[in-house]
Protein backbone atom coordinates (compact mmCIF):
# COMPACT_ATOMS: atom_id res chain seq x y z
CA MET A 1 -0.91 83.19 13.76
CA GLU A 2 -2.49 82.72 10.35
CA GLN A 3 -4.40 79.51 9.82
CA LYS A 4 -4.79 77.72 6.51
CA PHE A 5 -8.19 76.39 5.59
CA ASP A 6 -8.59 72.94 4.04
CA PHE A 7 -12.18 72.47 2.88
CA SER A 8 -11.67 68.71 2.54
CA GLN A 9 -11.12 68.56 6.32
CA ALA A 10 -14.12 70.74 7.21
CA ASP A 11 -16.86 69.48 9.50
CA PRO A 12 -19.83 67.94 7.64
CA LEU A 13 -22.00 70.81 8.94
CA PHE A 14 -19.52 73.49 7.80
CA VAL A 15 -21.50 74.71 4.77
CA GLU A 16 -24.84 74.76 6.59
CA VAL A 17 -23.35 76.56 9.61
CA ALA A 18 -21.49 79.04 7.38
CA ARG A 19 -24.72 79.97 5.61
CA PHE A 20 -26.58 80.26 8.92
CA VAL A 21 -23.92 82.52 10.41
CA VAL A 22 -23.75 84.79 7.36
CA GLU A 23 -27.54 85.02 6.99
CA ASN A 24 -27.95 85.76 10.72
CA ASN A 25 -25.04 88.21 10.91
CA ARG A 26 -25.22 88.44 14.71
CA MET A 27 -25.11 84.69 15.42
CA ALA A 28 -21.39 83.92 15.07
CA TRP A 29 -20.98 82.29 18.46
CA GLY A 30 -21.37 78.85 19.96
CA SER A 31 -24.63 78.85 21.89
CA PRO A 32 -27.03 79.50 18.96
CA LEU A 33 -25.12 76.96 16.88
CA GLU A 34 -25.37 74.36 19.61
CA ARG A 35 -29.14 74.81 19.83
CA LYS A 36 -29.87 75.16 16.10
CA PHE A 37 -27.71 72.24 14.95
CA GLU A 38 -28.02 70.13 18.11
CA ILE A 39 -24.27 69.85 18.56
CA GLY A 40 -22.03 70.16 21.58
CA PHE A 41 -19.74 72.94 22.72
CA ILE A 42 -16.55 71.34 21.38
CA ARG A 43 -17.98 70.76 17.91
CA SER A 44 -19.45 74.26 17.67
CA ARG A 45 -16.12 75.74 18.70
CA ARG A 46 -14.26 73.61 16.14
CA ILE A 47 -16.63 74.75 13.38
CA LEU A 48 -16.20 78.40 14.41
CA GLU A 49 -12.42 77.92 14.24
CA GLN A 50 -12.82 76.50 10.73
CA LEU A 51 -15.00 79.47 9.78
CA GLU A 52 -12.29 81.77 11.11
CA ALA A 53 -9.57 79.96 9.14
CA ALA A 54 -11.77 80.28 6.03
CA GLY A 55 -12.12 84.05 6.53
CA ILE A 56 -15.86 83.91 7.13
CA VAL A 57 -15.79 85.10 10.75
CA GLY A 58 -13.27 87.04 12.78
CA GLU A 59 -11.25 85.81 15.71
CA ALA A 60 -12.71 85.14 19.12
CA VAL A 61 -12.71 88.09 21.51
CA ARG A 62 -13.56 86.97 25.03
CA CYS A 63 -17.19 85.85 25.21
CA LYS A 64 -18.47 88.11 22.45
CA PRO A 65 -19.92 86.87 19.15
CA ARG A 66 -17.43 86.76 16.31
CA ALA A 67 -17.66 89.38 13.58
CA VAL A 68 -19.03 88.09 10.27
CA LEU A 69 -16.52 89.06 7.59
CA CYS A 70 -18.31 88.26 4.35
CA THR A 71 -21.64 88.69 2.62
CA ALA A 72 -23.87 85.87 1.41
CA GLU A 73 -22.63 86.43 -2.15
CA GLU A 74 -18.98 86.28 -1.09
CA LEU A 75 -19.67 83.11 0.90
CA GLU A 76 -21.27 81.41 -2.10
CA GLN A 77 -18.26 82.37 -4.25
CA LYS A 78 -15.89 80.86 -1.67
CA LEU A 79 -17.96 77.68 -1.38
CA ALA A 80 -18.06 77.25 -5.17
CA GLU A 81 -14.30 77.63 -5.35
CA TRP A 82 -13.64 75.19 -2.48
CA GLN A 83 -15.99 72.57 -3.89
CA LYS A 84 -14.19 72.45 -7.27
């Protein structure tokens, strides 16, 4: 099932979390996000789903961290395009 990403509906922390996940390539899972951004499980999961829909992280596979699918440069290009 392919999801469509609508930046206008993204969580207010989306950009900050996206940059954190890409910069810390191994951190694409809920627990570090919950601690770093002081958010709950549901919100961290929702943001990860938005990151997946945006093509920044891969899909969830059991309890493993999600694969980071883009570089910092690619992320900044995507963000610039979405914020137009």
